[in-house]
Amino acid sequence: MTVNPFPNYIAGTWAAGSDAAPNINPSDLNDTIGHYSQASANQTVEAIEAAAAAFPKWRATSPLVRFEALDRIGSEILASVDELGDMLAREEGKTLPEAKAEACLLYTSPSPRD
């Protein structure tokens, strides 16, 4: 069976990498979670340049707009905590409760200013 690697997202486009590497569950070495594209040097430069080009627009948005965007993302994380916990447990070899707690912490951790 051929497994297509998960692509990289660069400058708004999904792109296959120059190579791929398997991600294996450390608590079950027979469980391959997926194959992930590895960016070439040129793709890495392209991704860095795209992020640098996008930053001024993000920086120019109001704090309220940025808050609303991040709040929507956080709400999606919380709504998907069971799925994310399962994925984290497989990817990192953590216990399921620890992985779910980590998924929740992604959203509920205080900001550095708190």
PDB file of N, CA and C in Angstrom:
ATOM      1  N   MET A   1       0.836  -1.174   0.000  1.00  0.00           N
ATOM      2  CA  MET A   1       0.000   0.000   0.000  1.00  0.00           C
ATOM      3  C   MET A   1       0.890   1.249   0.000  1.00  0.00           C
ATOM      4  N   THR A   2       0.650   2.160  -0.896  1.00  0.00           N
ATOM      5  CA  THR A   2       1.384   3.408  -0.967  1.00  0.00           C
ATOM      6  C   THR A   2       0.719   4.436  -0.068  1.00  0.00           C
ATOM      7  N   VAL A   3       1.510   5.084   0.760  1.00  0.00           N
ATOM      8  CA  VAL A   3       1.002   6.114   1.656  1.00  0.00           C
ATOM      9  C   VAL A   3       1.503   7.457   1.149  1.00  0.00           C
ATOM     10  N   ASN A   4       0.571   8.343   0.836  1.00  0.00           N
ATOM     11  CA  ASN A   4       0.969   9.681   0.419  1.00  0.00           C
ATOM     12  C   ASN A   4       1.334  10.496   1.656  1.00  0.00           C
ATOM     13  N   PRO A   5       2.488  11.141   1.633  1.00  0.00           N
ATOM     14  CA  PRO A   5       2.880  11.929   2.800  1.00  0.00           C
ATOM     15  C   PRO A   5       2.002  13.177   2.941  1.00  0.00           C
ATOM     16  N   PHE A   6       1.836  13.602   4.185  1.00  0.00           N
ATOM     17  CA  PHE A   6       1.147  14.854   4.437  1.00  0.00           C
ATOM     18  C   PHE A   6       2.019  15.970   3.873  1.00  0.00           C
ATOM     19  N   PRO A   7       1.435  16.890   3.099  1.00  0.00           N
ATOM     20  CA  PRO A   7       2.235  17.945   2.478  1.00  0.00           C
ATOM     21  C   PRO A   7       2.532  19.097   3.444  1.00  0.00           C
ATOM     22  N   ASN A   8       3.378  19.991   3.008  1.00  0.00           N
ATOM     23  CA  ASN A   8       3.689  21.221   3.731  1.00  0.00           C
ATOM     24  C   ASN A   8       2.778  22.326   3.212  1.00  0.00           C
ATOM     25  N   TYR A   9       2.464  23.289   4.057  1.00  0.00           N
ATOM     26  CA  TYR A   9       1.642  24.434   3.660  1.00  0.00           C
ATOM     27  C   TYR A   9       2.569  25.633   3.565  1.00  0.00           C
ATOM     28  N   ILE A  10       2.806  26.088   2.340  1.00  0.00           N
ATOM     29  CA  ILE A  10       3.762  27.165   2.099  1.00  0.00           C
ATOM     30  C   ILE A  10       3.093  28.240   1.263  1.00  0.00           C
ATOM     31  N   ALA A  11       3.037  29.444   1.795  1.00  0.00           N
ATOM     32  CA  ALA A  11       2.501  30.604   1.068  1.00  0.00           C
ATOM     33  C   ALA A  11       1.085  30.350   0.542  1.00  0.00           C
ATOM     34  N   GLY A  12       0.255  29.697   1.369  1.00  0.00           N
ATOM     35  CA  GLY A  12      -1.138  29.475   0.989  1.00  0.00           C
ATOM     36  C   GLY A  12      -1.376  28.301   0.071  1.00  0.00           C
ATOM     37  N   THR A  13      -0.357  27.468  -0.144  1.00  0.00           N
ATOM     38  CA  THR A  13      -0.481  26.341  -1.062  1.00  0.00           C
ATOM     39  C   THR A  13       0.083  25.081  -0.404  1.00  0.00           C
ATOM     40  N   TRP A  14      -0.573  23.950  -0.622  1.00  0.00           N
ATOM     41  CA  TRP A  14      -0.056  22.676  -0.147  1.00  0.00           C
ATOM     42  C   TRP A  14       1.024  22.201  -1.112  1.00  0.00           C
ATOM     43  N   ALA A  15       2.166  21.808  -0.587  1.00  0.00           N
ATOM     44  CA  ALA A  15       3.295  21.417  -1.431  1.00  0.00           C
ATOM     45  C   ALA A  15       3.943  20.143  -0.910  1.00  0.00           C
ATOM     46  N   ALA A  16       4.199  19.225  -1.830  1.00  0.00           N
ATOM     47  CA  ALA A  16       4.939  18.014  -1.477  1.00  0.00           C
ATOM     48  C   ALA A  16       6.379  18.405  -1.176  1.00  0.00           C
ATOM     49  N   GLY A  17       6.987  17.725  -0.249  1.00  0.00           N
ATOM     50  CA  GLY A  17       8.377  18.004   0.078  1.00  0.00           C
ATOM     51  C   GLY A  17       9.322  17.268  -0.843  1.00  0.00           C
ATOM     52  N   SER A  18      10.599  17.461  -0.619  1.00  0.00           N
ATOM     53  CA  SER A  18      11.603  16.779  -1.426  1.00  0.00           C
ATOM     54  C   SER A  18      11.790  15.339  -0.969  1.00  0.00           C
ATOM     55  N   ASP A  19      11.330  15.049   0.251  1.00  0.00           N
ATOM     56  CA  ASP A  19      11.441  13.719   0.829  1.00  0.00           C
ATOM     57  C   ASP A  19      10.328  13.588   1.855  1.00  0.00           C
ATOM     58  N   ALA A  20      10.197  12.419   2.435  1.00  0.00           N
ATOM     59  CA  ALA A  20       9.198  12.211   3.484  1.00  0.00           C
ATOM     60  C   ALA A  20       9.782  11.317   4.559  1.00  0.00           C
ATOM     61  N   ALA A  21       9.275  11.486   5.772  1.00  0.00           N
ATOM     62  CA  ALA A  21       9.743  10.669   6.896  1.00  0.00           C
ATOM     63  C   ALA A  21       8.532  10.140   7.655  1.00  0.00           C
ATOM     64  N   PRO A  22       8.616   8.895   8.110  1.00  0.00           N
ATOM     65  CA  PRO A  22       7.503   8.353   8.893  1.00  0.00           C
ATOM     66  C   PRO A  22       7.517   8.909  10.314  1.00  0.00           C
ATOM     67  N   ASN A  23       6.331   9.078  10.869  1.00  0.00           N
ATOM     68  CA  ASN A  23       6.178   9.454  12.268  1.00  0.00           C
ATOM     69  C   ASN A  23       5.654   8.209  12.975  1.00  0.00           C
ATOM     70  N   ILE A  24       6.469   7.626  13.847  1.00  0.00           N
ATOM     71  CA  ILE A  24       6.142   6.355  14.484  1.00  0.00           C
ATOM     72  C   ILE A  24       5.804   6.585  15.949  1.00  0.00           C
ATOM     73  N   ASN A  25       4.732   5.961  16.388  1.00  0.00           N
ATOM     74  CA  ASN A  25       4.275   6.035  17.771  1.00  0.00           C
ATOM     75  C   ASN A  25       5.366   5.450  18.671  1.00  0.00           C
ATOM     76  N   PRO A  26       5.940   6.236  19.596  1.00  0.00           N
ATOM     77  CA  PRO A  26       7.019   5.712  20.433  1.00  0.00           C
ATOM     78  C   PRO A  26       6.563   4.649  21.431  1.00  0.00           C
ATOM     79  N   SER A  27       5.260   4.566  21.700  1.00  0.00           N
ATOM     80  CA  SER A  27       4.792   3.535  22.631  1.00  0.00           C
ATOM     81  C   SER A  27       4.304   2.280  21.911  1.00  0.00           C
ATOM     82  N   ASP A  28       4.273   2.334  20.566  1.00  0.00           N
ATOM     83  CA  ASP A  28       3.910   1.172  19.751  1.00  0.00           C
ATOM     84  C   ASP A  28       4.624   1.311  18.410  1.00  0.00           C
ATOM     85  N   LEU A  29       5.803   0.740  18.318  1.00  0.00           N
ATOM     86  CA  LEU A  29       6.639   0.921  17.129  1.00  0.00           C
ATOM     87  C   LEU A  29       6.045   0.316  15.863  1.00  0.00           C
ATOM     88  N   ASN A  30       4.964  -0.441  15.993  1.00  0.00           N
ATOM     89  CA  ASN A  30       4.266  -0.968  14.817  1.00  0.00           C
ATOM     90  C   ASN A  30       3.207  -0.002  14.298  1.00  0.00           C
ATOM     91  N   ASP A  31       3.015   1.121  14.978  1.00  0.00           N
ATOM     92  CA  ASP A  31       1.986   2.105  14.626  1.00  0.00           C
ATOM     93  C   ASP A  31       2.635   3.295  13.933  1.00  0.00           C
ATOM     94  N   THR A  32       2.526   3.333  12.612  1.00  0.00           N
ATOM     95  CA  THR A  32       3.007   4.488  11.861  1.00  0.00           C
ATOM     96  C   THR A  32       1.852   5.468  11.754  1.00  0.00           C
ATOM     97  N   ILE A  33       2.018   6.616  12.347  1.00  0.00           N
ATOM     98  CA  ILE A  33       0.964   7.628  12.393  1.00  0.00           C
ATOM     99  C   ILE A  33       0.754   8.243  11.018  1.00  0.00           C
ATOM    100  N   GLY A  34       1.813   8.479  10.332  1.00  0.00           N
ATOM    101  CA  GLY A  34       1.739   9.063   8.995  1.00  0.00           C
ATOM    102  C   GLY A  34       3.126   9.313   8.463  1.00  0.00           C
ATOM    103  N   HIS A  35       3.173   9.733   7.233  1.00  0.00           N
ATOM    104  CA  HIS A  35       4.425  10.126   6.599  1.00  0.00           C
ATOM    105  C   HIS A  35       4.326  11.622   6.325  1.00  0.00           C
ATOM    106  N   TYR A  36       5.362  12.339   6.678  1.00  0.00           N
ATOM    107  CA  TYR A  36       5.324  13.788   6.589  1.00  0.00           C
ATOM    108  C   TYR A  36       6.396  14.293   5.639  1.00  0.00           C
ATOM    109  N   SER A  37       5.986  15.208   4.779  1.00  0.00           N
ATOM    110  CA  SER A  37       6.913  15.795   3.817  1.00  0.00           C
ATOM    111  C   SER A  37       7.991  16.573   4.529  1.00  0.00           C
ATOM    112  N   GLN A  38       9.198  16.448   4.011  1.00  0.00           N
ATOM    113  CA  GLN A  38      10.318  17.231   4.508  1.00  0.00           C
ATOM    114  C   GLN A  38      10.648  18.263   3.440  1.00  0.00           C
ATOM    115  N   ALA A  39      10.645  19.514   3.833  1.00  0.00           N
ATOM    116  CA  ALA A  39      10.881  20.590   2.882  1.00  0.00           C
ATOM    117  C   ALA A  39      12.322  20.593   2.389  1.00  0.00           C
ATOM    118  N   SER A  40      12.469  20.971   1.135  1.00  0.00           N
ATOM    119  CA  SER A  40      13.811  21.178   0.590  1.00  0.00           C
ATOM    120  C   SER A  40      14.347  22.501   1.133  1.00  0.00           C
ATOM    121  N   ALA A  41      15.602  22.773   0.896  1.00  0.00           N
ATOM    122  CA  ALA A  41      16.185  24.049   1.317  1.00  0.00           C
ATOM    123  C   ALA A  41      15.445  25.210   0.659  1.00  0.00           C
ATOM    124  N   ASN A  42      15.115  25.076  -0.627  1.00  0.00           N
ATOM    125  CA  ASN A  42      14.392  26.139  -1.326  1.00  0.00           C
ATOM    126  C   ASN A  42      12.997  26.347  -0.745  1.00  0.00           C
ATOM    127  N   GLN A  43      12.305  25.252  -0.406  1.00  0.00           N
ATOM    128  CA  GLN A  43      10.982  25.377   0.194  1.00  0.00           C
ATOM    129  C   GLN A  43      11.066  26.031   1.572  1.00  0.00           C
ATOM    130  N   THR A  44      12.116  25.736   2.300  1.00  0.00           N
ATOM    131  CA  THR A  44      12.300  26.349   3.609  1.00  0.00           C
ATOM    132  C   THR A  44      12.461  27.859   3.466  1.00  0.00           C
ATOM    133  N   VAL A  45      13.278  28.271   2.532  1.00  0.00           N
ATOM    134  CA  VAL A  45      13.466  29.704   2.278  1.00  0.00           C
ATOM    135  C   VAL A  45      12.138  30.329   1.843  1.00  0.00           C
ATOM    136  N   GLU A  46      11.400  29.655   0.960  1.00  0.00           N
ATOM    137  CA  GLU A  46      10.113  30.163   0.495  1.00  0.00           C
ATOM    138  C   GLU A  46       9.131  30.330   1.665  1.00  0.00           C
ATOM    139  N   ALA A  47       9.097  29.365   2.573  1.00  0.00           N
ATOM    140  CA  ALA A  47       8.194  29.439   3.719  1.00  0.00           C
ATOM    141  C   ALA A  47       8.579  30.586   4.653  1.00  0.00           C
ATOM    142  N   ILE A  48       9.859  30.763   4.884  1.00  0.00           N
ATOM    143  CA  ILE A  48      10.328  31.861   5.740  1.00  0.00           C
ATOM    144  C   ILE A  48       9.986  33.203   5.102  1.00  0.00           C
ATOM    145  N   GLU A  49      10.221  33.320   3.804  1.00  0.00           N
ATOM    146  CA  GLU A  49       9.903  34.574   3.107  1.00  0.00           C
ATOM    147  C   GLU A  49       8.401  34.849   3.117  1.00  0.00           C
ATOM    148  N   ALA A  50       7.578  33.816   2.949  1.00  0.00           N
ATOM    149  CA  ALA A  50       6.120  33.995   2.969  1.00  0.00           C
ATOM    150  C   ALA A  50       5.657  34.453   4.350  1.00  0.00           C
ATOM    151  N   ALA A  51       6.230  33.872   5.396  1.00  0.00           N
ATOM    152  CA  ALA A  51       5.856  34.275   6.761  1.00  0.00           C
ATOM    153  C   ALA A  51       6.281  35.719   7.028  1.00  0.00           C
ATOM    154  N   ALA A  52       7.466  36.072   6.581  1.00  0.00           N
ATOM    155  CA  ALA A  52       7.940  37.446   6.772  1.00  0.00           C
ATOM    156  C   ALA A  52       7.074  38.440   6.003  1.00  0.00           C
ATOM    157  N   ALA A  53       6.627  38.050   4.805  1.00  0.00           N
ATOM    158  CA  ALA A  53       5.774  38.937   4.003  1.00  0.00           C
ATOM    159  C   ALA A  53       4.380  39.080   4.606  1.00  0.00           C
ATOM    160  N   ALA A  54       3.882  38.039   5.259  1.00  0.00           N
ATOM    161  CA  ALA A  54       2.540  38.073   5.853  1.00  0.00           C
ATOM    162  C   ALA A  54       2.520  38.825   7.185  1.00  0.00           C
ATOM    163  N   PHE A  55       3.639  38.882   7.868  1.00  0.00           N
ATOM    164  CA  PHE A  55       3.660  39.474   9.202  1.00  0.00           C
ATOM    165  C   PHE A  55       3.205  40.928   9.256  1.00  0.00           C
ATOM    166  N   PRO A  56       3.623  41.811   8.354  1.00  0.00           N
ATOM    167  CA  PRO A  56       3.184  43.213   8.466  1.00  0.00           C
ATOM    168  C   PRO A  56       1.656  43.364   8.454  1.00  0.00           C
ATOM    169  N   LYS A  57       0.967  42.559   7.654  1.00  0.00           N
ATOM    170  CA  LYS A  57      -0.502  42.644   7.620  1.00  0.00           C
ATOM    171  C   LYS A  57      -1.085  42.210   8.963  1.00  0.00           C
ATOM    172  N   TRP A  58      -0.557  41.120   9.521  1.00  0.00           N
ATOM    173  CA  TRP A  58      -1.024  40.647  10.822  1.00  0.00           C
ATOM    174  C   TRP A  58      -0.731  41.700  11.896  1.00  0.00           C
ATOM    175  N   ARG A  59       0.458  42.259  11.873  1.00  0.00           N
ATOM    176  CA  ARG A  59       0.843  43.264  12.863  1.00  0.00           C
ATOM    177  C   ARG A  59      -0.043  44.501  12.760  1.00  0.00           C
ATOM    178  N   ALA A  60      -0.504  44.830  11.549  1.00  0.00           N
ATOM    179  CA  ALA A  60      -1.326  46.028  11.338  1.00  0.00           C
ATOM    180  C   ALA A  60      -2.786  45.829  11.742  1.00  0.00           C
ATOM    181  N   THR A  61      -3.198  44.599  11.987  1.00  0.00           N
ATOM    182  CA  THR A  61      -4.582  44.383  12.404  1.00  0.00           C
ATOM    183  C   THR A  61      -4.751  44.852  13.845  1.00  0.00           C
ATOM    184  N   SER A  62      -5.973  45.186  14.175  1.00  0.00           N
ATOM    185  CA  SER A  62      -6.239  45.667  15.534  1.00  0.00           C
ATOM    186  C   SER A  62      -6.108  44.516  16.536  1.00  0.00           C
ATOM    187  N   PRO A  63      -5.812  44.852  17.784  1.00  0.00           N
ATOM    188  CA  PRO A  63      -5.765  43.800  18.806  1.00  0.00           C
ATOM    189  C   PRO A  63      -7.074  43.015  18.893  1.00  0.00           C
ATOM    190  N   LEU A  64      -8.203  43.676  18.683  1.00  0.00           N
ATOM    191  CA  LEU A  64      -9.486  42.984  18.741  1.00  0.00           C
ATOM    192  C   LEU A  64      -9.595  41.936  17.636  1.00  0.00           C
ATOM    193  N   VAL A  65      -9.191  42.273  16.427  1.00  0.00           N
ATOM    194  CA  VAL A  65      -9.247  41.318  15.315  1.00  0.00           C
ATOM    195  C   VAL A  65      -8.321  40.138  15.585  1.00  0.00           C
ATOM    196  N   ARG A  66      -7.119  40.414  16.103  1.00  0.00           N
ATOM    197  CA  ARG A  66      -6.192  39.327  16.420  1.00  0.00           C
ATOM    198  C   ARG A  66      -6.748  38.453  17.541  1.00  0.00           C
ATOM    199  N   PHE A  67      -7.323  39.101  18.564  1.00  0.00           N
ATOM    200  CA  PHE A  67      -7.926  38.338  19.650  1.00  0.00           C
ATOM    201  C   PHE A  67      -9.034  37.434  19.123  1.00  0.00           C
ATOM    202  N   GLU A  68      -9.913  37.978  18.283  1.00  0.00           N
ATOM    203  CA  GLU A  68     -11.027  37.185  17.762  1.00  0.00           C
ATOM    204  C   GLU A  68     -10.538  35.995  16.947  1.00  0.00           C
ATOM    205  N   ALA A  69      -9.501  36.205  16.141  1.00  0.00           N
ATOM    206  CA  ALA A  69      -8.946  35.100  15.342  1.00  0.00           C
ATOM    207  C   ALA A  69      -8.363  34.024  16.257  1.00  0.00           C
ATOM    208  N   LEU A  70      -7.582  34.432  17.230  1.00  0.00           N
ATOM    209  CA  LEU A  70      -6.966  33.468  18.141  1.00  0.00           C
ATOM    210  C   LEU A  70      -8.014  32.799  19.027  1.00  0.00           C
ATOM    211  N   ASP A  71      -9.064  33.523  19.393  1.00  0.00           N
ATOM    212  CA  ASP A  71     -10.133  32.928  20.195  1.00  0.00           C
ATOM    213  C   ASP A  71     -10.877  31.857  19.402  1.00  0.00           C
ATOM    214  N   ARG A  72     -11.125  32.107  18.114  1.00  0.00           N
ATOM    215  CA  ARG A  72     -11.762  31.087  17.267  1.00  0.00           C
ATOM    216  C   ARG A  72     -10.879  29.844  17.172  1.00  0.00           C
ATOM    217  N   ILE A  73      -9.597  30.054  16.998  1.00  0.00           N
ATOM    218  CA  ILE A  73      -8.665  28.921  16.936  1.00  0.00           C
ATOM    219  C   ILE A  73      -8.689  28.157  18.255  1.00  0.00           C
ATOM    220  N   GLY A  74      -8.648  28.872  19.367  1.00  0.00           N
ATOM    221  CA  GLY A  74      -8.688  28.230  20.672  1.00  0.00           C
ATOM    222  C   GLY A  74      -9.976  27.463  20.896  1.00  0.00           C
ATOM    223  N   SER A  75     -11.083  28.004  20.437  1.00  0.00           N
ATOM    224  CA  SER A  75     -12.366  27.307  20.571  1.00  0.00           C
ATOM    225  C   SER A  75     -12.367  26.010  19.773  1.00  0.00           C
ATOM    226  N   GLU A  76     -11.746  26.030  18.606  1.00  0.00           N
ATOM    227  CA  GLU A  76     -11.632  24.811  17.799  1.00  0.00           C
ATOM    228  C   GLU A  76     -10.766  23.771  18.509  1.00  0.00           C
ATOM    229  N   ILE A  77      -9.705  24.230  19.146  1.00  0.00           N
ATOM    230  CA  ILE A  77      -8.842  23.309  19.899  1.00  0.00           C
ATOM    231  C   ILE A  77      -9.652  22.647  21.007  1.00  0.00           C
ATOM    232  N   LEU A  78     -10.388  23.449  21.779  1.00  0.00           N
ATOM    233  CA  LEU A  78     -11.176  22.887  22.878  1.00  0.00           C
ATOM    234  C   LEU A  78     -12.263  21.947  22.374  1.00  0.00           C
ATOM    235  N   ALA A  79     -12.873  22.274  21.244  1.00  0.00           N
ATOM    236  CA  ALA A  79     -13.919  21.419  20.681  1.00  0.00           C
ATOM    237  C   ALA A  79     -13.347  20.092  20.188  1.00  0.00           C
ATOM    238  N   SER A  80     -12.055  20.060  19.918  1.00  0.00           N
ATOM    239  CA  SER A  80     -11.410  18.866  19.366  1.00  0.00           C
ATOM    240  C   SER A  80     -10.473  18.202  20.362  1.00  0.00           C
ATOM    241  N   VAL A  81     -10.640  18.489  21.656  1.00  0.00           N
ATOM    242  CA  VAL A  81      -9.663  18.016  22.643  1.00  0.00           C
ATOM    243  C   VAL A  81      -9.555  16.493  22.661  1.00  0.00           C
ATOM    244  N   ASP A  82     -10.652  15.768  22.462  1.00  0.00           N
ATOM    245  CA  ASP A  82     -10.553  14.303  22.464  1.00  0.00           C
ATOM    246  C   ASP A  82      -9.726  13.810  21.280  1.00  0.00           C
ATOM    247  N   GLU A  83     -10.012  14.348  20.105  1.00  0.00           N
ATOM    248  CA  GLU A  83      -9.264  13.955  18.903  1.00  0.00           C
ATOM    249  C   GLU A  83      -7.794  14.366  19.023  1.00  0.00           C
ATOM    250  N   LEU A  84      -7.549  15.596  19.468  1.00  0.00           N
ATOM    251  CA  LEU A  84      -6.172  16.061  19.627  1.00  0.00           C
ATOM    252  C   LEU A  84      -5.427  15.253  20.682  1.00  0.00           C
ATOM    253  N   GLY A  85      -6.118  14.910  21.774  1.00  0.00           N
ATOM    254  CA  GLY A  85      -5.501  14.090  22.811  1.00  0.00           C
ATOM    255  C   GLY A  85      -5.094  12.727  22.280  1.00  0.00           C
ATOM    256  N   ASP A  86      -5.987  12.116  21.478  1.00  0.00           N
ATOM    257  CA  ASP A  86      -5.654  10.818  20.867  1.00  0.00           C
ATOM    258  C   ASP A  86      -4.420  10.941  19.978  1.00  0.00           C
ATOM    259  N   MET A  87      -4.389  11.999  19.154  1.00  0.00           N
ATOM    260  CA  MET A  87      -3.242  12.186  18.252  1.00  0.00           C
ATOM    261  C   MET A  87      -1.954  12.433  19.034  1.00  0.00           C
ATOM    262  N   LEU A  88      -2.024  13.285  20.070  1.00  0.00           N
ATOM    263  CA  LEU A  88      -0.829  13.564  20.870  1.00  0.00           C
ATOM    264  C   LEU A  88      -0.333  12.309  21.584  1.00  0.00           C
ATOM    265  N   ALA A  89      -1.261  11.498  22.095  1.00  0.00           N
ATOM    266  CA  ALA A  89      -0.863  10.266  22.773  1.00  0.00           C
ATOM    267  C   ALA A  89      -0.115   9.346  21.818  1.00  0.00           C
ATOM    268  N   ARG A  90      -0.611   9.216  20.601  1.00  0.00           N
ATOM    269  CA  ARG A  90       0.060   8.362  19.610  1.00  0.00           C
ATOM    270  C   ARG A  90       1.390   8.967  19.177  1.00  0.00           C
ATOM    271  N   GLU A  91       1.414  10.263  18.949  1.00  0.00           N
ATOM    272  CA  GLU A  91       2.621  10.892  18.418  1.00  0.00           C
ATOM    273  C   GLU A  91       3.742  10.972  19.444  1.00  0.00           C
ATOM    274  N   GLU A  92       3.392  11.210  20.704  1.00  0.00           N
ATOM    275  CA  GLU A  92       4.408  11.447  21.724  1.00  0.00           C
ATOM    276  C   GLU A  92       4.563  10.300  22.710  1.00  0.00           C
ATOM    277  N   GLY A  93       3.665   9.311  22.651  1.00  0.00           N
ATOM    278  CA  GLY A  93       3.745   8.195  23.577  1.00  0.00           C
ATOM    279  C   GLY A  93       3.282   8.537  24.982  1.00  0.00           C
ATOM    280  N   LYS A  94       2.510   9.615  25.120  1.00  0.00           N
ATOM    281  CA  LYS A  94       2.004  10.020  26.432  1.00  0.00           C
ATOM    282  C   LYS A  94       0.771   9.210  26.792  1.00  0.00           C
ATOM    283  N   THR A  95       0.413   9.263  28.072  1.00  0.00           N
ATOM    284  CA  THR A  95      -0.861   8.676  28.460  1.00  0.00           C
ATOM    285  C   THR A  95      -1.967   9.566  27.898  1.00  0.00           C
ATOM    286  N   LEU A  96      -3.129   8.978  27.697  1.00  0.00           N
ATOM    287  CA  LEU A  96      -4.240   9.740  27.130  1.00  0.00           C
ATOM    288  C   LEU A  96      -4.633  10.931  28.011  1.00  0.00           C
ATOM    289  N   PRO A  97      -4.768  10.777  29.328  1.00  0.00           N
ATOM    290  CA  PRO A  97      -5.114  11.949  30.146  1.00  0.00           C
ATOM    291  C   PRO A  97      -4.077  13.073  30.044  1.00  0.00           C
ATOM    292  N   GLU A  98      -2.798  12.709  30.018  1.00  0.00           N
ATOM    293  CA  GLU A  98      -1.753  13.724  29.904  1.00  0.00           C
ATOM    294  C   GLU A  98      -1.823  14.423  28.546  1.00  0.00           C
ATOM    295  N   ALA A  99      -2.076  13.660  27.493  1.00  0.00           N
ATOM    296  CA  ALA A  99      -2.164  14.244  26.155  1.00  0.00           C
ATOM    297  C   ALA A  99      -3.367  15.181  26.035  1.00  0.00           C
ATOM    298  N   LYS A 100      -4.505  14.794  26.607  1.00  0.00           N
ATOM    299  CA  LYS A 100      -5.691  15.662  26.570  1.00  0.00           C
ATOM    300  C   LYS A 100      -5.446  16.934  27.375  1.00  0.00           C
ATOM    301  N   ALA A 101      -4.774  16.795  28.507  1.00  0.00           N
ATOM    302  CA  ALA A 101      -4.453  17.981  29.307  1.00  0.00           C
ATOM    303  C   ALA A 101      -3.539  18.915  28.523  1.00  0.00           C
ATOM    304  N   GLU A 102      -2.591  18.362  27.796  1.00  0.00           N
ATOM    305  CA  GLU A 102      -1.701  19.192  26.974  1.00  0.00           C
ATOM    306  C   GLU A 102      -2.489  19.920  25.894  1.00  0.00           C
ATOM    307  N   ALA A 103      -3.439  19.229  25.265  1.00  0.00           N
ATOM    308  CA  ALA A 103      -4.262  19.871  24.240  1.00  0.00           C
ATOM    309  C   ALA A 103      -5.040  21.031  24.845  1.00  0.00           C
ATOM    310  N   CYS A 104      -5.573  20.862  26.043  1.00  0.00           N
ATOM    311  CA  CYS A 104      -6.295  21.950  26.711  1.00  0.00           C
ATOM    312  C   CYS A 104      -5.361  23.098  27.047  1.00  0.00           C
ATOM    313  N   LEU A 105      -4.137  22.776  27.463  1.00  0.00           N
ATOM    314  CA  LEU A 105      -3.181  23.820  27.821  1.00  0.00           C
ATOM    315  C   LEU A 105      -2.784  24.669  26.626  1.00  0.00           C
ATOM    316  N   LEU A 106      -2.896  24.106  25.419  1.00  0.00           N
ATOM    317  CA  LEU A 106      -2.575  24.885  24.228  1.00  0.00           C
ATOM    318  C   LEU A 106      -3.435  26.141  24.161  1.00  0.00           C
ATOM    319  N   TYR A 107      -4.647  26.038  24.687  1.00  0.00           N
ATOM    320  CA  TYR A 107      -5.566  27.167  24.613  1.00  0.00           C
ATOM    321  C   TYR A 107      -5.679  27.923  25.921  1.00  0.00           C
ATOM    322  N   THR A 108      -5.605  27.244  27.045  1.00  0.00           N
ATOM    323  CA  THR A 108      -5.929  27.875  28.318  1.00  0.00           C
ATOM    324  C   THR A 108      -4.737  28.431  29.069  1.00  0.00           C
ATOM    325  N   SER A 109      -3.529  28.236  28.551  1.00  0.00           N
ATOM    326  CA  SER A 109      -2.359  28.783  29.246  1.00  0.00           C
ATOM    327  C   SER A 109      -2.420  30.301  29.279  1.00  0.00           C
ATOM    328  N   PRO A 110      -2.037  30.904  30.396  1.00  0.00           N
ATOM    329  CA  PRO A 110      -2.034  32.368  30.457  1.00  0.00           C
ATOM    330  C   PRO A 110      -0.978  32.935  29.520  1.00  0.00           C
ATOM    331  N   SER A 111      -1.239  34.132  29.075  1.00  0.00           N
ATOM    332  CA  SER A 111      -0.256  34.795  28.205  1.00  0.00           C
ATOM    333  C   SER A 111       0.943  35.191  29.050  1.00  0.00           C
ATOM    334  N   PRO A 112       2.083  35.441  28.420  1.00  0.00           N
ATOM    335  CA  PRO A 112       3.279  35.833  29.175  1.00  0.00           C
ATOM    336  C   PRO A 112       3.069  37.096  30.003  1.00  0.00           C
ATOM    337  N   ARG A 113       2.075  37.921  29.625  1.00  0.00           N
ATOM    338  CA  ARG A 113       1.833  39.170  30.348  1.00  0.00           C
ATOM    339  C   ARG A 113       0.942  38.968  31.568  1.00  0.00           C
ATOM    340  N   ASP A 114       0.292  37.805  31.694  1.00  0.00           N
ATOM    341  CA  ASP A 114      -0.624  37.583  32.828  1.00  0.00           C
ATOM    342  C   ASP A 114       0.141  37.307  34.104  1.00  0.00           C
TER     343      ASP A 114
END
